[in-house]
């Protein structure tokens, strides 16, 4: 009566900062814990804003995780996982896409949360590749801090002003360094625009 599908796929939860990506990842993990699934959670060691060994949302919810520096470390730690969850996936090396595909091909549900664009409004690292190879992509929005419209971009703020286009791409931070902005309020000095 019911079609039995093979297990194994990639889910990506994406959007700008303050859109609730980590909160949604933790929500999905909690649902799967009720089903007694073997879940292993990872985060990049560079993200130590709230905790070294927990994935923590801006709202304060958290879940235990491994903090790792290279994507291949997942191969050593995931062992018999039925579900692998990865937060802040955009901070990992390009090999993370291959690791996600490796597990999905072997019947593991792989859930990733990360920024789709950097502060300049450009694709973040390997995220386009990961999203195109995922079976499911959920794009969340925040609220623009300037006008209240749906925010899809992350504005980096330095000394009260928008960061320059040539500033470093990676700067781990939260509300002290970033704001959610809509496309119209997002500003990147030094970025070339069509006239």
Protein backbone atom coordinates (compact mmCIF):
# COMPACT_ATOMS: atom_id res chain seq x y z
CA UNK A 1 0.00 0.00 0.00
CA UNK A 2 2.86 2.42 0.81
CA UNK A 3 5.92 2.92 -1.35
CA UNK A 4 9.13 2.23 0.56
CA UNK A 5 11.84 4.70 -0.47
CA UNK A 6 15.54 4.18 0.01
CA UNK A 7 17.10 6.14 2.83
CA UNK A 8 19.87 8.65 2.12
CA UNK A 9 19.67 12.24 0.97
CA UNK A 10 21.00 15.75 1.62
CA UNK A 11 18.94 18.57 3.11
CA UNK A 12 20.24 22.15 3.17
CA UNK A 13 18.77 24.85 5.40
CA UNK A 14 20.04 28.21 4.19
CA UNK A 15 19.46 31.96 4.20
CA UNK A 16 20.99 35.05 5.78
CA UNK A 17 22.05 35.53 9.39
CA UNK A 18 19.25 35.69 11.97
CA UNK A 19 16.85 33.74 9.72
CA UNK A 20 16.67 30.77 12.12
CA UNK A 21 18.82 28.22 10.25
CA UNK A 22 20.43 26.72 13.35
CA UNK A 23 17.11 26.80 15.20
CA UNK A 24 15.53 24.81 12.35
CA UNK A 25 18.43 22.34 12.29
CA UNK A 26 18.08 21.74 16.04
CA UNK A 27 14.30 21.37 15.65
CA UNK A 28 14.79 18.64 13.03
CA UNK A 29 17.37 16.89 15.20
CA UNK A 30 14.99 16.92 18.17
CA UNK A 31 12.19 15.39 16.08
CA UNK A 32 14.52 12.60 14.91
CA UNK A 33 15.69 11.94 18.47
CA UNK A 34 12.11 10.99 19.35
CA UNK A 35 12.34 8.37 16.59
CA UNK A 36 15.49 6.97 18.31
CA UNK A 37 17.70 7.71 15.28
CA UNK A 38 21.48 7.58 15.75
CA UNK A 39 22.41 11.24 15.15
CA UNK A 40 25.88 12.78 15.06
CA UNK A 41 26.16 16.58 15.01
CA UNK A 42 29.11 18.62 13.74
CA UNK A 43 30.14 22.26 13.68
CA UNK A 44 33.31 24.03 12.51
CA UNK A 45 35.82 24.60 15.30
CA UNK A 46 36.18 28.21 14.10
CA UNK A 47 32.67 28.90 15.44
CA UNK A 48 33.19 29.24 19.18
CA UNK A 49 30.82 32.19 19.68
CA UNK A 50 28.52 30.54 22.21
CA UNK A 51 30.09 27.15 22.95
CA UNK A 52 33.03 24.97 22.00
CA UNK A 53 31.18 21.63 21.98
CA UNK A 54 27.56 22.58 21.29
CA UNK A 55 25.66 23.95 18.31
CA UNK A 56 23.85 27.01 19.70
CA UNK A 57 21.25 29.16 17.97
CA UNK A 58 21.05 32.95 18.42
CA UNK A 59 17.83 32.25 20.38
CA UNK A 60 19.77 30.09 22.85
CA UNK A 61 18.67 26.55 22.00
CA UNK A 62 21.57 24.13 21.78
CA UNK A 63 22.59 20.55 21.13
CA UNK A 64 25.80 18.60 21.75
CA UNK A 65 28.20 18.44 18.81
CA UNK A 66 31.72 17.69 17.65
CA UNK A 67 33.77 20.78 16.75
CA UNK A 68 36.01 19.87 13.83
CA UNK A 69 38.39 21.76 11.56
CA UNK A 70 38.35 19.58 8.40
CA UNK A 71 35.47 17.87 6.62
CA UNK A 72 37.30 14.53 6.51
CA UNK A 73 37.12 14.33 10.33
CA UNK A 74 33.44 13.44 9.88
CA UNK A 75 34.55 10.15 8.30
CA UNK A 76 36.29 9.22 11.56
CA UNK A 77 33.53 10.34 13.94
CA UNK A 78 30.23 9.54 12.21
CA UNK A 79 30.68 5.73 12.42
CA UNK A 80 27.20 4.14 12.45
CA UNK A 81 25.16 7.36 12.25
CA UNK A 82 21.74 7.23 10.63
CA UNK A 83 21.61 11.02 10.57
CA UNK A 84 24.45 13.52 10.24
CA UNK A 85 23.77 17.18 11.06
CA UNK A 86 26.25 19.93 10.18
CA UNK A 87 25.89 23.55 11.31
CA UNK A 88 27.67 26.54 9.73
CA UNK A 89 28.57 24.31 6.79
CA UNK A 90 29.82 27.29 4.74
CA UNK A 91 32.93 27.45 6.94
CA UNK A 92 34.13 24.00 5.90
CA UNK A 93 36.52 23.17 3.08
CA UNK A 94 35.31 22.14 -0.40
CA UNK A 95 35.56 18.48 0.61
CA UNK A 96 32.41 18.81 2.72
CA UNK A 97 30.29 18.34 -0.41
CA UNK A 98 31.98 15.02 -1.16
CA UNK A 99 31.58 13.91 2.47
CA UNK A 100 27.85 14.76 2.38
CA UNK A 101 27.41 12.84 -0.88
CA UNK A 102 29.40 9.89 0.48
CA UNK A 103 27.01 9.46 3.40
CA UNK A 104 23.82 10.18 1.44
CA UNK A 105 24.86 7.52 -1.10
CA UNK A 106 25.17 5.05 1.80
CA UNK A 107 21.68 5.65 3.15
CA UNK A 108 22.38 8.38 5.70
CA UNK A 109 20.19 11.48 6.05
CA UNK A 110 22.54 14.46 5.91
CA UNK A 111 21.22 17.81 7.19
CA UNK A 112 23.29 20.96 6.71
CA UNK A 113 22.65 24.55 7.79
CA UNK A 114 24.64 27.50 6.48
CA UNK A 115 24.75 30.91 4.86
CA UNK A 116 24.07 30.93 1.13
CA UNK A 117 25.74 34.33 0.62
CA UNK A 118 28.67 36.12 2.21
CA UNK A 119 28.44 39.71 3.52
CA UNK A 120 29.07 40.99 -0.03
CA UNK A 121 25.89 39.30 -1.29
CA UNK A 122 27.86 36.73 -3.29
CA UNK A 123 27.69 32.90 -3.12
CA UNK A 124 29.46 31.65 0.00
CA UNK A 125 32.23 29.15 -0.71
CA UNK A 126 30.93 25.74 -1.82
CA UNK A 127 27.30 26.44 -0.88
CA UNK A 128 26.05 26.65 -4.49
CA UNK A 129 27.53 23.22 -5.21
CA UNK A 130 26.06 21.74 -2.03
CA UNK A 131 22.61 23.20 -2.71
CA UNK A 132 22.49 21.93 -6.29
CA UNK A 133 23.40 18.40 -5.17
CA UNK A 134 20.91 18.36 -2.26
CA UNK A 135 17.51 16.74 -2.58
CA UNK A 136 15.88 19.36 -0.34
CA UNK A 137 16.74 23.06 0.10
CA UNK A 138 14.92 25.27 2.59
CA UNK A 139 15.66 28.99 2.26
CA UNK A 140 14.72 31.01 5.31
CA UNK A 141 14.45 34.79 5.57
CA UNK A 142 14.92 37.19 8.46
CA UNK A 143 13.54 40.71 8.89
CA UNK A 144 15.49 43.67 7.51
CA UNK A 145 16.78 45.77 10.40
CA UNK A 146 16.40 48.97 8.34
CA UNK A 147 12.95 48.68 6.71
CA UNK A 148 11.25 45.54 8.01
CA UNK A 149 11.06 43.78 4.61
CA UNK A 150 12.01 40.10 4.21
CA UNK A 151 15.79 39.95 4.62
CA UNK A 152 17.85 37.65 2.42
CA UNK A 153 21.26 39.27 2.87
CA UNK A 154 23.78 39.60 5.69
CA UNK A 155 25.19 43.10 6.30
CA UNK A 156 28.55 43.24 8.05
CA UNK A 157 28.99 46.35 10.19
CA UNK A 158 32.42 47.79 11.08
CA UNK A 159 32.49 50.81 13.41
CA UNK A 160 28.84 51.49 12.64
CA UNK A 161 29.35 51.44 8.86
CA UNK A 162 28.89 48.75 6.16
CA UNK A 163 32.04 46.65 5.61
CA UNK A 164 34.01 47.31 2.42
CA UNK A 165 33.88 44.82 -0.43
CA UNK A 166 37.60 44.01 0.01
CA UNK A 167 37.31 43.13 3.71
CA UNK A 168 37.99 39.47 4.62
CA UNK A 169 35.12 37.11 3.81
CA UNK A 170 35.23 35.10 7.05
CA UNK A 171 34.64 36.91 10.31
CA UNK A 172 32.77 34.87 12.91
CA UNK A 173 30.36 37.05 14.83
CA UNK A 174 26.76 37.74 15.76
CA UNK A 175 24.66 40.86 16.29
CA UNK A 176 27.73 42.92 17.24
CA UNK A 177 29.06 42.58 13.68
CA UNK A 178 26.11 41.64 11.45
CA UNK A 179 22.55 42.65 10.58
CA UNK A 180 19.90 41.08 8.39
CA UNK A 181 19.04 43.24 5.38
CA UNK A 182 16.76 43.11 2.36
CA UNK A 183 18.27 43.52 -1.11
CA UNK A 184 17.39 47.23 -1.17
CA UNK A 185 18.97 48.12 2.20
CA UNK A 186 22.06 45.90 1.75
CA UNK A 187 25.09 48.11 1.08
CA UNK A 188 28.65 47.07 0.19
CA UNK A 189 30.99 49.98 -0.53
CA UNK A 190 33.46 49.11 -3.28
CA UNK A 191 31.22 46.54 -4.99
CA UNK A 192 30.91 47.11 -8.73
CA UNK A 193 27.37 47.77 -9.91
CA UNK A 194 25.75 48.08 -13.31
CA UNK A 195 24.77 51.64 -14.10
